[in-house]
Amino acid sequence: MPITVDIDVMMARRKMSVGELAERVGITPANLAVLKNGRAKAVRFATLAALCEVLECQPGDLLRWEPGAESEAASAAAPETKTEVATES
């Protein structure tokens, strides 16, 4: 997925453990690990807001888009398609 999660970077900057962040945000350490490792398919805005509040950062500090950073699993699951656009001459 071209969205990269940088929660671990902000945790390191704030010298905060997974357990402490999970407790302060109100989610389980297991769910935080899923987010932190980029395995989550979605994140609730309320969770994102809580992460930003606790880590004193902006959503863009936690998530970033990297073009061409498709995972191998996603690339294998989605067949390549080519779209042609008809033009009038």
PDB file of N, CA and C in Angstrom:
ATOM      1  N   MET A   1       0.854  -1.185   0.000  1.00  0.00           N
ATOM      2  CA  MET A   1       0.000   0.000   0.000  1.00  0.00           C
ATOM      3  C   MET A   1       0.892   1.238   0.000  1.00  0.00           C
ATOM      4  N   PRO A   2       0.567   2.224  -0.767  1.00  0.00           N
ATOM      5  CA  PRO A   2       1.418   3.403  -0.847  1.00  0.00           C
ATOM      6  C   PRO A   2       1.315   4.341   0.360  1.00  0.00           C
ATOM      7  N   ILE A   3       0.526   3.975   1.374  1.00  0.00           N
ATOM      8  CA  ILE A   3       0.461   4.776   2.598  1.00  0.00           C
ATOM      9  C   ILE A   3       1.435   4.175   3.604  1.00  0.00           C
ATOM     10  N   THR A   4       2.379   4.970   4.059  1.00  0.00           N
ATOM     11  CA  THR A   4       3.362   4.529   5.044  1.00  0.00           C
ATOM     12  C   THR A   4       2.987   5.108   6.401  1.00  0.00           C
ATOM     13  N   VAL A   5       3.051   4.276   7.418  1.00  0.00           N
ATOM     14  CA  VAL A   5       2.694   4.676   8.777  1.00  0.00           C
ATOM     15  C   VAL A   5       3.979   4.940   9.556  1.00  0.00           C
ATOM     16  N   ASP A   6       4.082   6.129  10.129  1.00  0.00           N
ATOM     17  CA  ASP A   6       5.274   6.536  10.873  1.00  0.00           C
ATOM     18  C   ASP A   6       5.006   6.716  12.367  1.00  0.00           C
ATOM     19  N   ILE A   7       4.074   5.935  12.914  1.00  0.00           N
ATOM     20  CA  ILE A   7       3.780   6.042  14.341  1.00  0.00           C
ATOM     21  C   ILE A   7       5.029   5.742  15.161  1.00  0.00           C
ATOM     22  N   ASP A   8       5.816   4.741  14.728  1.00  0.00           N
ATOM     23  CA  ASP A   8       7.020   4.381  15.473  1.00  0.00           C
ATOM     24  C   ASP A   8       8.031   5.526  15.528  1.00  0.00           C
ATOM     25  N   VAL A   9       8.088   6.320  14.467  1.00  0.00           N
ATOM     26  CA  VAL A   9       9.002   7.470  14.441  1.00  0.00           C
ATOM     27  C   VAL A   9       8.593   8.490  15.510  1.00  0.00           C
ATOM     28  N   MET A  10       7.287   8.789  15.560  1.00  0.00           N
ATOM     29  CA  MET A  10       6.808   9.758  16.554  1.00  0.00           C
ATOM     30  C   MET A  10       6.926   9.202  17.970  1.00  0.00           C
ATOM     31  N   MET A  11       6.710   7.899  18.129  1.00  0.00           N
ATOM     32  CA  MET A  11       6.871   7.283  19.448  1.00  0.00           C
ATOM     33  C   MET A  11       8.321   7.425  19.921  1.00  0.00           C
ATOM     34  N   ALA A  12       9.258   7.212  19.031  1.00  0.00           N
ATOM     35  CA  ALA A  12      10.675   7.343  19.390  1.00  0.00           C
ATOM     36  C   ALA A  12      11.009   8.784  19.751  1.00  0.00           C
ATOM     37  N   ARG A  13      10.476   9.732  18.980  1.00  0.00           N
ATOM     38  CA  ARG A  13      10.738  11.150  19.278  1.00  0.00           C
ATOM     39  C   ARG A  13      10.190  11.546  20.645  1.00  0.00           C
ATOM     40  N   ARG A  14       9.062  10.924  21.023  1.00  0.00           N
ATOM     41  CA  ARG A  14       8.416  11.241  22.306  1.00  0.00           C
ATOM     42  C   ARG A  14       8.867  10.300  23.423  1.00  0.00           C
ATOM     43  N   LYS A  15       9.781   9.365  23.079  1.00  0.00           N
ATOM     44  CA  LYS A  15      10.289   8.383  24.044  1.00  0.00           C
ATOM     45  C   LYS A  15       9.142   7.674  24.753  1.00  0.00           C
ATOM     46  N   MET A  16       8.210   7.141  23.940  1.00  0.00           N
ATOM     47  CA  MET A  16       7.010   6.519  24.460  1.00  0.00           C
ATOM     48  C   MET A  16       6.946   5.061  24.008  1.00  0.00           C
ATOM     49  N   SER A  17       6.562   4.176  24.909  1.00  0.00           N
ATOM     50  CA  SER A  17       6.445   2.753  24.589  1.00  0.00           C
ATOM     51  C   SER A  17       5.084   2.466  23.955  1.00  0.00           C
ATOM     52  N   VAL A  18       4.974   1.295  23.327  1.00  0.00           N
ATOM     53  CA  VAL A  18       3.711   0.869  22.735  1.00  0.00           C
ATOM     54  C   VAL A  18       2.637   0.783  23.814  1.00  0.00           C
ATOM     55  N   GLY A  19       2.988   0.201  24.950  1.00  0.00           N
ATOM     56  CA  GLY A  19       2.019   0.057  26.040  1.00  0.00           C
ATOM     57  C   GLY A  19       1.513   1.391  26.547  1.00  0.00           C
ATOM     58  N   GLU A  20       2.427   2.329  26.737  1.00  0.00           N
ATOM     59  CA  GLU A  20       2.031   3.651  27.229  1.00  0.00           C
ATOM     60  C   GLU A  20       1.146   4.372  26.220  1.00  0.00           C
ATOM     61  N   LEU A  21       1.548   4.352  24.945  1.00  0.00           N
ATOM     62  CA  LEU A  21       0.752   5.032  23.923  1.00  0.00           C
ATOM     63  C   LEU A  21      -0.630   4.384  23.799  1.00  0.00           C
ATOM     64  N   ALA A  22      -0.671   3.065  23.774  1.00  0.00           N
ATOM     65  CA  ALA A  22      -1.955   2.370  23.658  1.00  0.00           C
ATOM     66  C   ALA A  22      -2.881   2.742  24.813  1.00  0.00           C
ATOM     67  N   GLU A  23      -2.342   2.760  26.021  1.00  0.00           N
ATOM     68  CA  GLU A  23      -3.151   3.106  27.195  1.00  0.00           C
ATOM     69  C   GLU A  23      -3.672   4.529  27.110  1.00  0.00           C
ATOM     70  N   ARG A  24      -2.806   5.456  26.736  1.00  0.00           N
ATOM     71  CA  ARG A  24      -3.205   6.868  26.675  1.00  0.00           C
ATOM     72  C   ARG A  24      -4.190   7.142  25.540  1.00  0.00           C
ATOM     73  N   VAL A  25      -4.086   6.379  24.440  1.00  0.00           N
ATOM     74  CA  VAL A  25      -4.993   6.557  23.298  1.00  0.00           C
ATOM     75  C   VAL A  25      -6.319   5.832  23.542  1.00  0.00           C
ATOM     76  N   GLY A  26      -6.260   4.741  24.300  1.00  0.00           N
ATOM     77  CA  GLY A  26      -7.474   3.980  24.575  1.00  0.00           C
ATOM     78  C   GLY A  26      -7.700   2.822  23.625  1.00  0.00           C
ATOM     79  N   ILE A  27      -6.608   2.245  23.103  1.00  0.00           N
ATOM     80  CA  ILE A  27      -6.709   1.063  22.251  1.00  0.00           C
ATOM     81  C   ILE A  27      -5.784  -0.007  22.828  1.00  0.00           C
ATOM     82  N   THR A  28      -5.955  -1.229  22.372  1.00  0.00           N
ATOM     83  CA  THR A  28      -5.114  -2.306  22.877  1.00  0.00           C
ATOM     84  C   THR A  28      -3.720  -2.212  22.254  1.00  0.00           C
ATOM     85  N   PRO A  29      -2.705  -2.708  22.956  1.00  0.00           N
ATOM     86  CA  PRO A  29      -1.360  -2.739  22.356  1.00  0.00           C
ATOM     87  C   PRO A  29      -1.333  -3.544  21.049  1.00  0.00           C
ATOM     88  N   ALA A  30      -2.150  -4.591  20.965  1.00  0.00           N
ATOM     89  CA  ALA A  30      -2.207  -5.387  19.729  1.00  0.00           C
ATOM     90  C   ALA A  30      -2.740  -4.564  18.571  1.00  0.00           C
ATOM     91  N   ASN A  31      -3.793  -3.778  18.800  1.00  0.00           N
ATOM     92  CA  ASN A  31      -4.335  -2.925  17.733  1.00  0.00           C
ATOM     93  C   ASN A  31      -3.361  -1.817  17.362  1.00  0.00           C
ATOM     94  N   LEU A  32      -2.647  -1.282  18.338  1.00  0.00           N
ATOM     95  CA  LEU A  32      -1.630  -0.271  18.033  1.00  0.00           C
ATOM     96  C   LEU A  32      -0.516  -0.887  17.192  1.00  0.00           C
ATOM     97  N   ALA A  33      -0.134  -2.117  17.498  1.00  0.00           N
ATOM     98  CA  ALA A  33       0.899  -2.797  16.711  1.00  0.00           C
ATOM     99  C   ALA A  33       0.459  -2.984  15.265  1.00  0.00           C
ATOM    100  N   VAL A  34      -0.820  -3.317  15.063  1.00  0.00           N
ATOM    101  CA  VAL A  34      -1.347  -3.464  13.700  1.00  0.00           C
ATOM    102  C   VAL A  34      -1.244  -2.135  12.953  1.00  0.00           C
ATOM    103  N   LEU A  35      -1.611  -1.043  13.611  1.00  0.00           N
ATOM    104  CA  LEU A  35      -1.483   0.289  12.997  1.00  0.00           C
ATOM    105  C   LEU A  35      -0.021   0.621  12.733  1.00  0.00           C
ATOM    106  N   LYS A  36       0.806   0.429  13.746  1.00  0.00           N
ATOM    107  CA  LYS A  36       2.217   0.808  13.693  1.00  0.00           C
ATOM    108  C   LYS A  36       2.971   0.059  12.595  1.00  0.00           C
ATOM    109  N   ASN A  37       2.603  -1.199  12.386  1.00  0.00           N
ATOM    110  CA  ASN A  37       3.302  -2.020  11.398  1.00  0.00           C
ATOM    111  C   ASN A  37       2.720  -1.924   9.999  1.00  0.00           C
ATOM    112  N   GLY A  38       1.721  -1.046   9.828  1.00  0.00           N
ATOM    113  CA  GLY A  38       1.162  -0.827   8.499  1.00  0.00           C
ATOM    114  C   GLY A  38       0.255  -1.938   8.011  1.00  0.00           C
ATOM    115  N   ARG A  39      -0.240  -2.783   8.906  1.00  0.00           N
ATOM    116  CA  ARG A  39      -1.111  -3.886   8.500  1.00  0.00           C
ATOM    117  C   ARG A  39      -2.588  -3.528   8.567  1.00  0.00           C
ATOM    118  N   ALA A  40      -2.919  -2.358   9.090  1.00  0.00           N
ATOM    119  CA  ALA A  40      -4.323  -1.950   9.209  1.00  0.00           C
ATOM    120  C   ALA A  40      -4.877  -1.581   7.839  1.00  0.00           C
ATOM    121  N   LYS A  41      -6.125  -1.938   7.608  1.00  0.00           N
ATOM    122  CA  LYS A  41      -6.796  -1.569   6.356  1.00  0.00           C
ATOM    123  C   LYS A  41      -7.499  -0.232   6.491  1.00  0.00           C
ATOM    124  N   ALA A  42      -7.727   0.206   7.733  1.00  0.00           N
ATOM    125  CA  ALA A  42      -8.416   1.475   7.973  1.00  0.00           C
ATOM    126  C   ALA A  42      -8.046   1.968   9.369  1.00  0.00           C
ATOM    127  N   VAL A  43      -8.257   3.250   9.584  1.00  0.00           N
ATOM    128  CA  VAL A  43      -8.077   3.830  10.914  1.00  0.00           C
ATOM    129  C   VAL A  43      -9.212   4.835  11.123  1.00  0.00           C
ATOM    130  N   ARG A  44      -9.842   4.760  12.270  1.00  0.00           N
ATOM    131  CA  ARG A  44     -10.924   5.695  12.575  1.00  0.00           C
ATOM    132  C   ARG A  44     -10.340   7.080  12.820  1.00  0.00           C
ATOM    133  N   PHE A  45     -11.073   8.095  12.401  1.00  0.00           N
ATOM    134  CA  PHE A  45     -10.624   9.460  12.642  1.00  0.00           C
ATOM    135  C   PHE A  45     -10.463   9.724  14.133  1.00  0.00           C
ATOM    136  N   ALA A  46     -11.336   9.143  14.953  1.00  0.00           N
ATOM    137  CA  ALA A  46     -11.233   9.338  16.404  1.00  0.00           C
ATOM    138  C   ALA A  46      -9.922   8.772  16.927  1.00  0.00           C
ATOM    139  N   THR A  47      -9.491   7.621  16.401  1.00  0.00           N
ATOM    140  CA  THR A  47      -8.215   7.025  16.806  1.00  0.00           C
ATOM    141  C   THR A  47      -7.056   7.879  16.318  1.00  0.00           C
ATOM    142  N   LEU A  48      -7.142   8.334  15.080  1.00  0.00           N
ATOM    143  CA  LEU A  48      -6.092   9.195  14.529  1.00  0.00           C
ATOM    144  C   LEU A  48      -5.982  10.484  15.334  1.00  0.00           C
ATOM    145  N   ALA A  49      -7.122  11.069  15.689  1.00  0.00           N
ATOM    146  CA  ALA A  49      -7.128  12.296  16.495  1.00  0.00           C
ATOM    147  C   ALA A  49      -6.518  12.048  17.867  1.00  0.00           C
ATOM    148  N   ALA A  50      -6.850  10.911  18.481  1.00  0.00           N
ATOM    149  CA  ALA A  50      -6.292  10.591  19.798  1.00  0.00           C
ATOM    150  C   ALA A  50      -4.780  10.381  19.712  1.00  0.00           C
ATOM    151  N   LEU A  51      -4.320   9.704  18.664  1.00  0.00           N
ATOM    152  CA  LEU A  51      -2.878   9.517  18.472  1.00  0.00           C
ATOM    153  C   LEU A  51      -2.179  10.869  18.336  1.00  0.00           C
ATOM    154  N   CYS A  52      -2.769  11.752  17.535  1.00  0.00           N
ATOM    155  CA  CYS A  52      -2.171  13.082  17.334  1.00  0.00           C
ATOM    156  C   CYS A  52      -2.152  13.886  18.631  1.00  0.00           C
ATOM    157  N   GLU A  53      -3.217  13.775  19.413  1.00  0.00           N
ATOM    158  CA  GLU A  53      -3.277  14.512  20.674  1.00  0.00           C
ATOM    159  C   GLU A  53      -2.202  14.021  21.638  1.00  0.00           C
ATOM    160  N   VAL A  54      -2.106  12.715  21.797  1.00  0.00           N
ATOM    161  CA  VAL A  54      -1.131  12.142  22.735  1.00  0.00           C
ATOM    162  C   VAL A  54       0.298  12.385  22.259  1.00  0.00           C
ATOM    163  N   LEU A  55       0.537  12.230  20.961  1.00  0.00           N
ATOM    164  CA  LEU A  55       1.890  12.405  20.425  1.00  0.00           C
ATOM    165  C   LEU A  55       2.214  13.860  20.083  1.00  0.00           C
ATOM    166  N   GLU A  56       1.222  14.746  20.257  1.00  0.00           N
ATOM    167  CA  GLU A  56       1.389  16.173  19.959  1.00  0.00           C
ATOM    168  C   GLU A  56       1.950  16.379  18.551  1.00  0.00           C
ATOM    169  N   CYS A  57       1.181  15.873  17.578  1.00  0.00           N
ATOM    170  CA  CYS A  57       1.616  15.966  16.191  1.00  0.00           C
ATOM    171  C   CYS A  57       0.402  16.135  15.281  1.00  0.00           C
ATOM    172  N   GLN A  58       0.646  16.206  14.006  1.00  0.00           N
ATOM    173  CA  GLN A  58      -0.387  16.318  12.986  1.00  0.00           C
ATOM    174  C   GLN A  58      -0.549  14.964  12.290  1.00  0.00           C
ATOM    175  N   PRO A  59      -1.722  14.696  11.682  1.00  0.00           N
ATOM    176  CA  PRO A  59      -1.910  13.430  10.970  1.00  0.00           C
ATOM    177  C   PRO A  59      -0.805  13.154   9.937  1.00  0.00           C
ATOM    178  N   GLY A  60      -0.341  14.191   9.287  1.00  0.00           N
ATOM    179  CA  GLY A  60       0.731  14.027   8.304  1.00  0.00           C
ATOM    180  C   GLY A  60       2.056  13.593   8.897  1.00  0.00           C
ATOM    181  N   ASP A  61       2.212  13.737  10.209  1.00  0.00           N
ATOM    182  CA  ASP A  61       3.418  13.239  10.868  1.00  0.00           C
ATOM    183  C   ASP A  61       3.345  11.726  11.070  1.00  0.00           C
ATOM    184  N   LEU A  62       2.129  11.170  11.022  1.00  0.00           N
ATOM    185  CA  LEU A  62       1.922   9.746  11.260  1.00  0.00           C
ATOM    186  C   LEU A  62       1.694   8.955   9.980  1.00  0.00           C
ATOM    187  N   LEU A  63       1.141   9.611   8.954  1.00  0.00           N
ATOM    188  CA  LEU A  63       0.815   8.946   7.696  1.00  0.00           C
ATOM    189  C   LEU A  63       1.404   9.725   6.537  1.00  0.00           C
ATOM    190  N   ARG A  64       1.958   8.993   5.576  1.00  0.00           N
ATOM    191  CA  ARG A  64       2.439   9.670   4.363  1.00  0.00           C
ATOM    192  C   ARG A  64       2.225   8.766   3.167  1.00  0.00           C
ATOM    193  N   TRP A  65       2.053   9.392   2.029  1.00  0.00           N
ATOM    194  CA  TRP A  65       1.810   8.682   0.781  1.00  0.00           C
ATOM    195  C   TRP A  65       3.114   8.563   0.022  1.00  0.00           C
ATOM    196  N   GLU A  66       3.431   7.346  -0.415  1.00  0.00           N
ATOM    197  CA  GLU A  66       4.628   7.101  -1.217  1.00  0.00           C
ATOM    198  C   GLU A  66       4.208   6.454  -2.524  1.00  0.00           C
ATOM    199  N   PRO A  67       4.286   7.196  -3.618  1.00  0.00           N
ATOM    200  CA  PRO A  67       3.891   6.606  -4.902  1.00  0.00           C
ATOM    201  C   PRO A  67       4.790   5.413  -5.236  1.00  0.00           C
ATOM    202  N   GLY A  68       4.168   4.373  -5.753  1.00  0.00           N
ATOM    203  CA  GLY A  68       4.936   3.201  -6.167  1.00  0.00           C
ATOM    204  C   GLY A  68       5.343   2.296  -5.026  1.00  0.00           C
ATOM    205  N   ALA A  69       4.831   2.523  -3.839  1.00  0.00           N
ATOM    206  CA  ALA A  69       5.207   1.706  -2.693  1.00  0.00           C
ATOM    207  C   ALA A  69       4.205   0.591  -2.460  1.00  0.00           C
ATOM    208  N   GLU A  70       3.641   0.050  -3.528  1.00  0.00           N
ATOM    209  CA  GLU A  70       2.670  -1.040  -3.420  1.00  0.00           C
ATOM    210  C   GLU A  70       3.348  -2.246  -2.788  1.00  0.00           C
ATOM    211  N   SER A  71       2.637  -2.915  -1.907  1.00  0.00           N
ATOM    212  CA  SER A  71       3.186  -4.132  -1.312  1.00  0.00           C
ATOM    213  C   SER A  71       3.121  -5.248  -2.336  1.00  0.00           C
ATOM    214  N   GLU A  72       3.976  -6.248  -2.177  1.00  0.00           N
ATOM    215  CA  GLU A  72       3.990  -7.369  -3.110  1.00  0.00           C
ATOM    216  C   GLU A  72       2.657  -8.108  -3.081  1.00  0.00           C
ATOM    217  N   ALA A  73       2.058  -8.235  -1.892  1.00  0.00           N
ATOM    218  CA  ALA A  73       0.782  -8.946  -1.777  1.00  0.00           C
ATOM    219  C   ALA A  73      -0.314  -8.213  -2.541  1.00  0.00           C
ATOM    220  N   ALA A  74      -0.354  -6.898  -2.422  1.00  0.00           N
ATOM    221  CA  ALA A  74      -1.378  -6.124  -3.116  1.00  0.00           C
ATOM    222  C   ALA A  74      -1.154  -6.174  -4.622  1.00  0.00           C
ATOM    223  N   SER A  75       0.098  -6.133  -5.043  1.00  0.00           N
ATOM    224  CA  SER A  75       0.397  -6.183  -6.463  1.00  0.00           C
ATOM    225  C   SER A  75       0.025  -7.532  -7.054  1.00  0.00           C
ATOM    226  N   ALA A  76       0.263  -8.594  -6.303  1.00  0.00           N
ATOM    227  CA  ALA A  76      -0.059  -9.927  -6.791  1.00  0.00           C
ATOM    228  C   ALA A  76      -1.562 -10.153  -6.843  1.00  0.00           C
ATOM    229  N   ALA A  77      -2.287  -9.548  -5.916  1.00  0.00           N
ATOM    230  CA  ALA A  77      -3.736  -9.744  -5.850  1.00  0.00           C
ATOM    231  C   ALA A  77      -4.474  -8.968  -6.932  1.00  0.00           C
ATOM    232  N   ALA A  78      -3.932  -7.847  -7.351  1.00  0.00           N
ATOM    233  CA  ALA A  78      -4.600  -7.000  -8.336  1.00  0.00           C
ATOM    234  C   ALA A  78      -3.945  -7.188  -9.704  1.00  0.00           C
ATOM    235  N   PRO A  79      -4.660  -7.763 -10.649  1.00  0.00           N
ATOM    236  CA  PRO A  79      -4.075  -7.943 -11.979  1.00  0.00           C
ATOM    237  C   PRO A  79      -3.884  -6.598 -12.664  1.00  0.00           C
ATOM    238  N   GLU A  80      -2.883  -6.554 -13.518  1.00  0.00           N
ATOM    239  CA  GLU A  80      -2.636  -5.307 -14.253  1.00  0.00           C
ATOM    240  C   GLU A  80      -3.734  -5.106 -15.290  1.00  0.00           C
ATOM    241  N   THR A  81      -4.171  -3.889 -15.417  1.00  0.00           N
ATOM    242  CA  THR A  81      -5.162  -3.561 -16.430  1.00  0.00           C
ATOM    243  C   THR A  81      -4.698  -2.324 -17.157  1.00  0.00           C
ATOM    244  N   LYS A  82      -5.032  -2.292 -18.427  1.00  0.00           N
ATOM    245  CA  LYS A  82      -4.714  -1.110 -19.221  1.00  0.00           C
ATOM    246  C   LYS A  82      -6.018  -0.510 -19.688  1.00  0.00           C
ATOM    247  N   THR A  83      -6.133   0.790 -19.552  1.00  0.00           N
ATOM    248  CA  THR A  83      -7.335   1.483 -19.960  1.00  0.00           C
ATOM    249  C   THR A  83      -7.011   2.321 -21.191  1.00  0.00           C
ATOM    250  N   GLU A  84      -7.797   2.147 -22.218  1.00  0.00           N
ATOM    251  CA  GLU A  84      -7.614   2.955 -23.414  1.00  0.00           C
ATOM    252  C   GLU A  84      -8.740   3.963 -23.496  1.00  0.00           C
ATOM    253  N   VAL A  85      -8.412   5.146 -23.877  1.00  0.00           N
ATOM    254  CA  VAL A  85      -9.392   6.205 -24.008  1.00  0.00           C
ATOM    255  C   VAL A  85      -9.625   6.451 -25.501  1.00  0.00           C
ATOM    256  N   ALA A  86     -10.888   6.354 -25.904  1.00  0.00           N
ATOM    257  CA  ALA A  86     -11.223   6.602 -27.314  1.00  0.00           C
ATOM    258  C   ALA A  86     -11.262   8.095 -27.560  1.00  0.00           C
ATOM    259  N   THR A  87     -10.647   8.510 -28.625  1.00  0.00           N
ATOM    260  CA  THR A  87     -10.669   9.925 -28.986  1.00  0.00           C
ATOM    261  C   THR A  87     -11.312  10.062 -30.370  1.00  0.00           C
ATOM    262  N   GLU A  88     -11.992  11.169 -30.539  1.00  0.00           N
ATOM    263  CA  GLU A  88     -12.614  11.449 -31.826  1.00  0.00           C
ATOM    264  C   GLU A  88     -11.633  12.187 -32.715  1.00  0.00           C
ATOM    265  N   SER A  89     -11.559  11.782 -33.977  1.00  0.00           N
ATOM    266  CA  SER A  89     -10.638  12.436 -34.899  1.00  0.00           C
ATOM    267  C   SER A  89     -11.381  13.369 -35.818  1.00  0.00           C
TER     268      SER A  89
END
